[in-house]
């Protein structure tokens, strides 16, 4: 494709100049000045109001094709100064001297390498990417035409036939990618890419070679045991986890694997023949139950120390989770405020379609917890009216909030907007700080006498939701 530039002259005219890759900007300026009678020594070229170096070749100037250059007069005439030219021969020796920009390349070669050039059949001067071949072309090429106007310049003088210049000396051949063996895939990766970036979230840990060796020593030696462990890990990956409640200190704690069927929970609860279901004391509307965190006795089985040792399969699961977390953060697109609001609305609609009710637990300062069932579209004011029925001082003003950090929930918003679906834990507090002491009684004594265990509260939620699913399926 033909390349050209447009020169905007001081008189307002435009001059198109055809250029080559090795053509200097000084030659472009001289061509435009010759056609319109200007002195090239008293003018310069500008691109976007910035002076461009006239010594550069067009290929290295960074100027695009069909660009527009402005020719403007300089403040003072350019002074011709001597330049230092160094010629490197094939044996590595160098000769240098001072020359005027109007001197030809043949004069430079005769002065610096006159004795060596007489033995050359085809002398060639290489300057940057410009190749001047033969004595005749050297006599017609000046240092000025190569863009050498000042400073120093380095050239190479070689003896080669022009056909040999087109032969590439070295060809890079990329190494072949070796296919990974089956054994390599089974080994846990300790690279940073496998672990994911440290900023991907979740606080990673460093894996050392000593840790890997210790894991291999503690790994089961028998093939049958290893196969059983792999089958167990595979089943663990394929089978969905049983839904369980994640009661935290803030709002919006969702159920794990929400797509699992609630009927399975009921069957799991009834499949233990030697264990009776916990006692549930419903003390009011909305399946209200009350339990105490202080009275909860969590029986923890005594586990051997070997249970807490990190095995190879555990390490594989950790690496898999880190890869998923890293891939999710890296591939997440940047969203505008409208897109974020649209995603939030989609999430709310999905929750509204999936959960027909939500479980809300209100924790009092004396560590009593009141549990009730609500609809996702109900406002927090309905929850406040529900709590007020169980208070010793129902006339006192109070608010509901989440921690940490403490965020007072507005009464006008719905539970879905407050991210309390499918379940959440909120805290209770009077507006008067003097009433929020632990010694103060918040719930009526008649309800305190009908306490339910925390396990019974979980059982009540399971029974309620299983009953709702059965009723909706039959209808």
Protein backbone atom coordinates (compact mmCIF):
# COMPACT_ATOMS: atom_id res chain seq x y z
CA UNK A 1 0.00 0.00 0.00
CA UNK A 2 1.32 3.43 -0.96
CA UNK A 3 2.17 5.65 1.97
CA UNK A 4 1.99 9.39 1.88
CA UNK A 5 1.79 12.40 4.17
CA UNK A 6 0.18 15.79 3.71
CA UNK A 7 2.28 18.90 4.41
CA UNK A 8 0.32 22.01 5.43
CA UNK A 9 2.42 24.92 4.10
CA UNK A 10 2.65 28.38 5.68
CA UNK A 11 0.71 29.87 2.75
CA UNK A 12 -2.25 27.61 3.47
CA UNK A 13 -1.68 25.15 0.65
CA UNK A 14 -1.38 21.41 1.04
CA UNK A 15 1.29 19.24 -0.52
CA UNK A 16 1.05 15.44 -0.70
CA UNK A 17 4.41 13.66 -0.46
CA UNK A 18 4.83 9.96 -1.20
CA UNK A 19 7.09 8.37 1.38
CA UNK A 20 8.88 5.08 1.92
CA UNK A 21 9.65 3.31 5.20
CA UNK A 22 13.35 4.31 5.13
CA UNK A 23 12.70 7.92 4.09
CA UNK A 24 13.68 10.51 6.72
CA UNK A 25 11.43 13.35 7.77
CA UNK A 26 14.12 15.77 6.57
CA UNK A 27 13.71 14.42 3.04
CA UNK A 28 9.95 14.91 3.30
CA UNK A 29 10.53 18.51 4.38
CA UNK A 30 13.01 19.13 1.57
CA UNK A 31 10.62 17.68 -1.02
CA UNK A 32 7.81 20.01 0.04
CA UNK A 33 10.12 23.04 0.26
CA UNK A 34 11.60 22.38 -3.21
CA UNK A 35 8.18 22.32 -4.89
CA UNK A 36 7.04 25.59 -3.31
CA UNK A 37 10.33 27.52 -3.08
CA UNK A 38 10.90 27.43 0.67
CA UNK A 39 14.23 27.04 2.45
CA UNK A 40 14.27 23.74 4.35
CA UNK A 41 16.93 25.04 6.77
CA UNK A 42 14.54 27.69 8.06
CA UNK A 43 11.46 25.49 8.55
CA UNK A 44 10.42 22.57 10.73
CA UNK A 45 7.61 20.03 10.85
CA UNK A 46 5.01 19.71 13.59
CA UNK A 47 2.48 16.99 14.34
CA UNK A 48 -0.36 17.96 16.70
CA UNK A 49 1.56 21.15 17.61
CA UNK A 50 4.66 19.18 18.63
CA UNK A 51 7.99 19.33 16.83
CA UNK A 52 9.05 16.08 15.19
CA UNK A 53 12.69 15.04 14.85
CA UNK A 54 13.83 15.42 11.25
CA UNK A 55 16.57 12.82 11.71
CA UNK A 56 14.08 9.96 12.21
CA UNK A 57 13.08 7.59 9.50
CA UNK A 58 9.38 7.41 8.75
CA UNK A 59 9.14 3.82 9.99
CA UNK A 60 10.48 4.81 13.43
CA UNK A 61 8.74 8.18 13.75
CA UNK A 62 5.42 6.74 14.96
CA UNK A 63 3.48 8.84 12.44
CA UNK A 64 0.43 7.19 10.87
CA UNK A 65 -0.17 6.89 7.17
CA UNK A 66 -1.96 9.85 5.54
CA UNK A 67 -1.11 12.08 8.50
CA UNK A 68 -1.05 15.87 8.25
CA UNK A 69 2.20 17.66 9.16
CA UNK A 70 2.39 21.40 9.65
CA UNK A 71 5.41 23.22 8.22
CA UNK A 72 6.30 26.30 10.25
CA UNK A 73 9.30 28.67 10.18
CA UNK A 74 11.94 28.21 12.88
CA UNK A 75 13.22 30.94 15.16
CA UNK A 76 16.75 30.61 13.79
CA UNK A 77 18.39 28.86 10.90
CA UNK A 78 19.68 25.35 11.50
CA UNK A 79 23.45 25.24 11.86
CA UNK A 80 25.32 22.47 10.09
CA UNK A 81 27.70 20.74 12.52
CA UNK A 82 30.11 17.86 12.16
CA UNK A 83 29.10 14.35 13.12
CA UNK A 84 31.16 11.45 14.44
CA UNK A 85 30.75 8.33 12.29
CA UNK A 86 31.97 4.91 13.45
CA UNK A 87 32.23 1.96 11.04
CA UNK A 88 32.40 -1.61 12.31
CA UNK A 89 34.03 -4.22 10.07
CA UNK A 90 33.29 -7.92 9.80
CA UNK A 91 36.19 -8.82 12.11
CA UNK A 92 34.78 -6.61 14.88
CA UNK A 93 37.28 -3.76 14.54
CA UNK A 94 35.97 -0.20 14.48
CA UNK A 95 37.14 2.99 12.81
CA UNK A 96 35.69 6.42 13.47
CA UNK A 97 36.13 10.01 12.27
CA UNK A 98 34.40 13.38 11.94
CA UNK A 99 32.47 14.29 8.81
CA UNK A 100 30.06 16.92 7.50
CA UNK A 101 26.42 15.91 6.94
CA UNK A 102 26.83 16.62 3.20
CA UNK A 103 29.62 14.03 2.81
CA UNK A 104 28.71 10.85 0.95
CA UNK A 105 28.99 7.36 2.36
CA UNK A 106 31.69 6.50 -0.15
CA UNK A 107 33.84 9.35 1.18
CA UNK A 108 33.37 8.04 4.70
CA UNK A 109 34.29 4.49 3.68
CA UNK A 110 37.36 5.64 1.69
CA UNK A 111 38.65 7.70 4.60
CA UNK A 112 38.08 5.14 7.36
CA UNK A 113 38.31 1.77 5.57
CA UNK A 114 39.99 2.52 2.26
CA UNK A 115 42.46 -0.37 2.46
CA UNK A 116 39.87 -2.99 3.46
CA UNK A 117 37.17 -1.93 0.98
CA UNK A 118 39.45 -2.55 -2.00
CA UNK A 119 39.25 -6.29 -1.34
CA UNK A 120 35.43 -6.32 -1.18
CA UNK A 121 33.48 -7.57 -4.19
CA UNK A 122 30.18 -6.09 -3.03
CA UNK A 123 30.59 -3.59 -0.17
CA UNK A 124 27.41 -2.89 1.78
CA UNK A 125 26.78 -0.23 4.43
CA UNK A 126 24.03 -1.03 6.98
CA UNK A 127 22.67 1.82 9.08
CA UNK A 128 19.69 0.93 11.24
CA UNK A 129 17.44 -0.80 8.65
CA UNK A 130 18.79 1.06 5.64
CA UNK A 131 21.09 -0.94 3.35
CA UNK A 132 23.25 0.90 0.82
CA UNK A 133 24.67 -1.61 -1.69
CA UNK A 134 27.59 -0.96 -3.97
CA UNK A 135 29.94 1.95 -4.67
CA UNK A 136 27.54 3.74 -7.00
CA UNK A 137 24.74 3.94 -4.40
CA UNK A 138 27.21 5.04 -1.71
CA UNK A 139 28.39 7.93 -3.89
CA UNK A 140 24.78 9.10 -4.27
CA UNK A 141 23.85 8.75 -0.56
CA UNK A 142 24.88 11.45 1.89
CA UNK A 143 24.86 11.35 5.68
CA UNK A 144 22.16 14.00 5.60
CA UNK A 145 19.87 11.78 3.53
CA UNK A 146 20.16 9.09 6.25
CA UNK A 147 19.11 11.57 8.90
CA UNK A 148 22.61 12.00 10.34
CA UNK A 149 22.77 15.72 11.07
CA UNK A 150 24.48 15.85 14.46
CA UNK A 151 25.86 13.70 17.23
CA UNK A 152 27.22 10.21 16.60
CA UNK A 153 26.27 7.40 14.23
CA UNK A 154 27.22 3.71 14.07
CA UNK A 155 27.38 1.76 10.77
CA UNK A 156 28.41 -1.71 9.65
CA UNK A 157 30.52 -2.45 6.55
CA UNK A 158 30.18 -5.99 5.21
CA UNK A 159 31.03 -7.82 2.01
CA UNK A 160 27.98 -9.78 0.86
CA UNK A 161 26.07 -10.37 -2.28
CA UNK A 162 22.67 -8.68 -2.38
CA UNK A 163 20.96 -12.10 -2.66
CA UNK A 164 22.47 -13.24 0.64
CA UNK A 165 20.94 -10.32 2.50
CA UNK A 166 17.47 -11.88 2.08
CA UNK A 167 18.55 -15.08 3.85
CA UNK A 168 17.62 -15.13 7.51
CA UNK A 169 20.51 -16.10 9.71
CA UNK A 170 18.63 -17.71 12.61
CA UNK A 171 15.09 -19.05 12.72
CA UNK A 172 13.45 -19.43 16.11
CA UNK A 173 11.62 -22.70 16.62
CA UNK A 174 9.31 -22.73 19.63
CA UNK A 175 9.73 -25.73 21.94
CA UNK A 176 7.14 -28.45 21.77
CA UNK A 177 4.63 -28.60 24.59
CA UNK A 178 4.96 -31.87 26.42
CA UNK A 179 1.70 -33.61 27.21
CA UNK A 180 1.07 -34.07 30.90
CA UNK A 181 1.00 -37.62 32.11
CA UNK A 182 -1.85 -39.00 34.12
CA UNK A 183 0.28 -39.12 37.24
CA UNK A 184 1.12 -35.43 36.94
CA UNK A 185 -2.55 -34.46 36.95
CA UNK A 186 -3.16 -36.33 40.16
CA UNK A 187 -0.39 -34.55 42.03
CA UNK A 188 -1.56 -31.43 43.86
CA UNK A 189 -0.26 -28.23 42.30
CA UNK A 190 1.68 -25.79 44.45
CA UNK A 191 2.09 -23.06 41.85
CA UNK A 192 0.75 -19.59 42.40
CA UNK A 193 -1.62 -19.95 39.47
CA UNK A 194 -3.19 -23.04 40.98
CA UNK A 195 -3.55 -21.39 44.36
CA UNK A 196 -5.05 -18.28 42.79
CA UNK A 197 -3.84 -14.75 43.35
CA UNK A 198 -3.41 -13.63 46.93
CA UNK A 199 -5.80 -10.77 46.35
CA UNK A 200 -8.59 -13.04 45.13
CA UNK A 201 -9.98 -13.14 48.65
CA UNK A 202 -10.14 -15.60 51.47
CA UNK A 203 -6.62 -15.37 52.93
CA UNK A 204 -4.57 -18.16 51.40
CA UNK A 205 -1.56 -20.00 52.79
CA UNK A 206 1.84 -20.93 51.40
CA UNK A 207 2.54 -24.53 50.45
CA UNK A 208 6.09 -25.70 50.93
CA UNK A 209 7.88 -28.79 49.69
CA UNK A 210 8.20 -30.05 53.25
CA UNK A 211 4.45 -29.88 53.67
CA UNK A 212 3.92 -31.88 50.48
CA UNK A 213 6.42 -34.52 51.60
CA UNK A 214 4.74 -34.84 54.97
CA UNK A 215 1.36 -35.17 53.28
CA UNK A 216 2.66 -37.93 51.04
CA UNK A 217 4.07 -39.78 54.05
CA UNK A 218 0.75 -39.59 55.85
CA UNK A 219 -1.23 -40.59 52.74
CA UNK A 220 -2.66 -44.17 52.71
CA UNK A 221 -0.17 -46.60 51.20
CA UNK A 222 -2.56 -49.26 49.90
CA UNK A 223 -4.09 -48.86 46.47
CA UNK A 224 -7.46 -49.96 47.78
CA UNK A 225 -7.44 -47.28 50.49
CA UNK A 226 -6.41 -44.62 48.00
CA UNK A 227 -9.15 -45.72 45.63
CA UNK A 228 -11.70 -45.58 48.42
CA UNK A 229 -10.57 -42.09 49.38
CA UNK A 230 -10.90 -40.93 45.77
CA UNK A 231 -14.36 -42.45 45.50
CA UNK A 232 -15.40 -40.75 48.73
CA UNK A 233 -14.11 -37.39 47.50
CA UNK A 234 -15.89 -37.91 44.15
CA UNK A 235 -19.16 -38.72 45.86
CA UNK A 236 -18.65 -35.71 48.10
CA UNK A 237 -18.29 -33.49 45.00
CA UNK A 238 -21.24 -35.00 43.10
CA UNK A 239 -23.77 -35.28 45.91
CA UNK A 240 -25.32 -32.00 47.09
CA UNK A 241 -24.85 -31.07 50.69
CA UNK A 242 -27.80 -31.32 53.01
CA UNK A 243 -29.44 -27.92 53.55
CA UNK A 244 -28.45 -26.36 56.81
CA UNK A 245 -29.03 -23.04 58.46
CA UNK A 246 -26.25 -20.50 58.67
CA UNK A 247 -27.25 -18.26 61.53
CA UNK A 248 -24.83 -15.37 61.77
CA UNK A 249 -24.78 -11.94 63.36
CA UNK A 250 -25.94 -10.10 60.24
CA UNK A 251 -28.86 -10.20 57.86
CA UNK A 252 -29.20 -12.17 54.70
CA UNK A 253 -27.61 -15.51 55.67
CA UNK A 254 -28.85 -17.94 53.04
CA UNK A 255 -29.40 -21.66 53.07
CA UNK A 256 -26.67 -23.81 51.56
CA UNK A 257 -27.85 -25.58 48.39
CA UNK A 258 -31.19 -23.90 48.33
CA UNK A 259 -32.30 -26.12 45.45
CA UNK A 260 -32.40 -29.21 47.65
CA UNK A 261 -35.80 -30.59 48.52
CA UNK A 262 -37.13 -29.83 52.02
CA UNK A 263 -38.78 -33.24 52.16
CA UNK A 264 -35.33 -34.79 52.36
CA UNK A 265 -34.70 -32.91 55.60
CA UNK A 266 -37.83 -34.34 57.12
CA UNK A 267 -36.90 -37.85 56.11
CA UNK A 268 -33.40 -37.42 57.49
CA UNK A 269 -34.82 -36.21 60.76
CA UNK A 270 -37.22 -39.16 61.05
CA UNK A 271 -34.75 -41.83 59.96
CA UNK A 272 -33.08 -41.99 63.37
CA UNK A 273 -35.31 -44.50 65.20
CA UNK A 274 -33.44 -44.37 68.49
CA UNK A 275 -33.74 -40.62 68.86
CA UNK A 276 -36.96 -38.81 69.72
CA UNK A 277 -37.73 -35.47 68.05
CA UNK A 278 -37.04 -32.42 70.23
CA UNK A 279 -39.86 -30.74 72.14
CA UNK A 280 -41.17 -27.58 70.48
CA UNK A 281 -43.24 -25.10 72.55
CA UNK A 282 -45.09 -22.68 70.27
CA UNK A 283 -45.80 -19.57 72.37
CA UNK A 284 -47.59 -17.34 69.86
CA UNK A 285 -48.52 -16.58 66.29
CA UNK A 286 -46.14 -17.07 63.33
CA UNK A 287 -44.88 -20.33 64.87
CA UNK A 288 -43.13 -18.30 67.57
CA UNK A 289 -40.64 -20.14 69.77
CA UNK A 290 -38.25 -18.85 72.41
CA UNK A 291 -34.90 -20.35 73.40
CA UNK A 292 -31.83 -19.27 75.35
CA UNK A 293 -28.29 -19.31 74.08
CA UNK A 294 -26.97 -19.82 77.60
CA UNK A 295 -29.08 -22.94 78.06
CA UNK A 296 -27.91 -24.46 74.78
CA UNK A 297 -25.60 -27.39 75.39
CA UNK A 298 -23.70 -28.38 72.29
CA UNK A 299 -22.36 -31.88 72.59
CA UNK A 300 -19.08 -32.12 70.72
CA UNK A 301 -17.72 -35.59 70.03
CA UNK A 302 -14.16 -36.26 71.11
CA UNK A 303 -12.11 -36.49 67.92
CA UNK A 304 -8.60 -37.92 67.69
CA UNK A 305 -5.69 -35.66 66.79
CA UNK A 306 -5.30 -37.40 63.44
CA UNK A 307 -8.67 -35.99 62.41
CA UNK A 308 -7.15 -32.51 62.14
CA UNK A 309 -4.20 -33.61 59.99
CA UNK A 310 -4.32 -32.28 56.42
CA UNK A 311 -4.46 -35.16 53.93
CA UNK A 312 -3.81 -35.13 50.20
CA UNK A 313 -7.52 -35.28 49.40
CA UNK A 314 -8.21 -32.36 51.74
CA UNK A 315 -5.49 -30.39 50.02
CA UNK A 316 -7.02 -31.13 46.60
CA UNK A 317 -10.38 -29.83 47.80
CA UNK A 318 -8.75 -26.65 49.13
CA UNK A 319 -6.98 -26.05 45.82
CA UNK A 320 -10.20 -26.68 43.91
CA UNK A 321 -12.10 -24.11 46.00
CA UNK A 322 -9.30 -21.56 45.59
CA UNK A 323 -9.34 -22.04 41.81
CA UNK A 324 -13.07 -21.47 41.69
CA UNK A 325 -12.80 -18.34 43.84
CA UNK A 326 -9.96 -16.94 41.75
CA UNK A 327 -11.70 -17.67 38.45
CA UNK A 328 -14.87 -16.02 39.65
CA UNK A 329 -13.09 -12.80 40.65
CA UNK A 330 -10.99 -12.59 37.49
CA UNK A 331 -13.86 -13.20 35.09
CA UNK A 332 -16.30 -10.85 36.83
CA UNK A 333 -17.07 -7.89 34.51
CA UNK A 334 -17.12 -4.30 35.65
CA UNK A 335 -20.71 -3.15 36.20
CA UNK A 336 -22.23 0.31 36.17
CA UNK A 337 -24.62 1.50 38.84
CA UNK A 338 -27.66 0.64 36.68
CA UNK A 339 -26.36 -2.85 35.97
CA UNK A 340 -25.64 -3.44 39.66
CA UNK A 341 -29.18 -2.35 40.50
CA UNK A 342 -30.53 -4.66 37.79
CA UNK A 343 -28.55 -7.58 39.20
CA UNK A 344 -29.84 -6.80 42.69
CA UNK A 345 -33.42 -6.80 41.44
CA UNK A 346 -32.87 -10.10 39.64
CA UNK A 347 -31.53 -11.62 42.84
CA UNK A 348 -34.52 -10.36 44.78
CA UNK A 349 -36.96 -11.78 42.24
CA UNK A 350 -35.17 -15.13 42.32
CA UNK A 351 -35.41 -15.23 46.12
CA UNK A 352 -39.06 -14.19 46.01
CA UNK A 353 -39.81 -17.00 43.57
CA UNK A 354 -37.87 -19.61 45.54
CA UNK A 355 -38.73 -18.73 49.18
CA UNK A 356 -42.35 -18.19 50.18
CA UNK A 357 -41.43 -17.35 53.77
CA UNK A 358 -38.39 -16.44 55.82
CA UNK A 359 -37.19 -17.29 59.31
CA UNK A 360 -36.29 -14.37 61.51
CA UNK A 361 -34.56 -14.60 64.89
CA UNK A 362 -34.54 -11.63 67.25
CA UNK A 363 -31.76 -11.80 69.84
CA UNK A 364 -32.20 -9.86 73.08
CA UNK A 365 -29.33 -8.49 75.20
CA UNK A 366 -29.99 -11.19 77.85
CA UNK A 367 -29.23 -13.87 75.17
CA UNK A 368 -32.83 -14.97 74.74
CA UNK A 369 -33.80 -15.51 71.09
CA UNK A 370 -37.31 -15.16 69.68
CA UNK A 371 -38.00 -16.96 66.40
CA UNK A 372 -40.87 -16.31 63.98
CA UNK A 373 -41.97 -16.96 60.39
CA UNK A 374 -42.66 -14.04 58.04
CA UNK A 375 -43.40 -13.38 54.39
CA UNK A 376 -40.63 -11.83 52.28
CA UNK A 377 -42.86 -8.92 51.22
CA UNK A 378 -43.75 -7.94 54.80
CA UNK A 379 -42.13 -4.84 56.22
CA UNK A 380 -39.98 -4.65 59.33
CA UNK A 381 -42.87 -2.86 61.07
CA UNK A 382 -44.71 -6.21 61.12
CA UNK A 383 -41.73 -7.76 62.87
CA UNK A 384 -41.69 -4.96 65.45
CA UNK A 385 -45.40 -5.51 66.17
CA UNK A 386 -44.71 -9.23 66.54
CA UNK A 387 -41.88 -8.61 69.04
CA UNK A 388 -43.92 -6.11 71.02
CA UNK A 389 -46.43 -8.86 71.99
CA UNK A 390 -43.74 -10.67 74.02
CA UNK A 391 -42.10 -7.70 75.77
CA UNK A 392 -42.37 -6.81 79.44
CA UNK A 393 -42.47 -3.12 78.50
CA UNK A 394 -44.33 -2.99 75.18
CA UNK A 395 -44.74 0.80 75.38
CA UNK A 396 -41.00 1.49 75.27
CA UNK A 397 -39.49 2.46 71.92
CA UNK A 398 -36.92 0.07 70.46
CA UNK A 399 -35.17 -0.68 67.22
CA UNK A 400 -33.83 -3.73 65.42
CA UNK A 401 -30.30 -3.75 64.04
CA UNK A 402 -27.62 -6.01 62.60
CA UNK A 403 -23.97 -6.31 63.60
CA UNK A 404 -21.14 -5.92 62.71
CA UNK A 405 -21.10 -3.06 61.98
CA UNK A 406 -24.19 -1.88 63.75
CA UNK A 407 -26.86 -0.93 61.22
CA UNK A 408 -30.31 0.08 62.39
CA UNK A 409 -32.93 -1.41 60.07
CA UNK A 410 -35.64 0.97 58.80
CA UNK A 411 -39.21 -0.05 59.58
CA UNK A 412 -40.56 0.91 56.14
CA UNK A 413 -38.46 -1.54 54.10
CA UNK A 414 -39.45 -5.12 53.40
CA UNK A 415 -37.54 -8.16 54.61
CA UNK A 416 -36.56 -8.91 51.02
CA UNK A 417 -35.04 -5.45 50.61
CA UNK A 418 -33.20 -5.83 53.91
CA UNK A 419 -31.65 -9.10 52.65
CA UNK A 420 -33.33 -11.12 55.39
CA UNK A 421 -34.52 -13.86 53.04
CA UNK A 422 -34.48 -16.85 53.57
CA UNK A 423 -33.28 -16.37 57.17
CA UNK A 424 -31.51 -13.78 59.29
CA UNK A 425 -30.54 -12.84 62.84
CA UNK A 426 -31.32 -9.33 64.08
CA UNK A 427 -30.61 -7.78 67.46
CA UNK A 428 -32.99 -5.97 69.80
CA UNK A 429 -32.25 -2.77 71.66
CA UNK A 430 -34.25 -0.12 73.53
CA UNK A 431 -33.70 3.52 72.64
CA UNK A 432 -32.89 4.12 76.30
CA UNK A 433 -29.48 2.61 77.01
CA UNK A 434 -30.33 2.12 80.68
CA UNK A 435 -32.88 -0.55 79.75
CA UNK A 436 -30.41 -2.61 77.69
CA UNK A 437 -28.55 -4.20 80.61
CA UNK A 438 -28.30 -7.99 80.83
CA UNK A 439 -29.95 -8.01 84.26
CA UNK A 440 -33.06 -6.39 82.81
CA UNK A 441 -35.87 -8.76 81.81
CA UNK A 442 -37.07 -8.22 78.22
CA UNK A 443 -39.53 -11.11 77.61
CA UNK A 444 -42.54 -11.84 79.76
CA UNK A 445 -41.99 -14.47 82.43
CA UNK A 446 -44.82 -16.67 81.15
CA UNK A 447 -43.00 -17.11 77.86
CA UNK A 448 -39.67 -17.75 79.56
CA UNK A 449 -41.25 -20.73 81.32
CA UNK A 450 -42.03 -22.27 77.89
CA UNK A 451 -38.50 -22.33 76.51
CA UNK A 452 -37.55 -24.50 73.55
CA UNK A 453 -34.06 -25.78 72.88
CA UNK A 454 -32.08 -24.45 69.92
CA UNK A 455 -32.34 -27.85 68.29
CA UNK A 456 -36.11 -27.66 68.70
CA UNK A 457 -36.14 -24.28 66.97
CA UNK A 458 -34.34 -25.83 63.98
CA UNK A 459 -36.77 -28.74 64.00
CA UNK A 460 -39.75 -26.34 64.04
CA UNK A 461 -38.47 -24.58 60.93
CA UNK A 462 -37.97 -27.88 59.12
CA UNK A 463 -41.43 -29.13 60.00
CA UNK A 464 -43.06 -25.85 58.99
CA UNK A 465 -41.38 -25.71 55.60
CA UNK A 466 -41.99 -29.39 54.87
CA UNK A 467 -45.65 -28.89 55.68
CA UNK A 468 -45.86 -25.90 53.37
CA UNK A 469 -44.23 -27.84 50.53
CA UNK A 470 -46.64 -30.76 51.02
CA UNK A 471 -49.69 -28.46 51.02
CA UNK A 472 -48.56 -26.59 47.89
CA UNK A 473 -47.80 -29.88 46.08
CA UNK A 474 -51.22 -31.35 46.87
CA UNK A 475 -53.01 -28.19 45.77
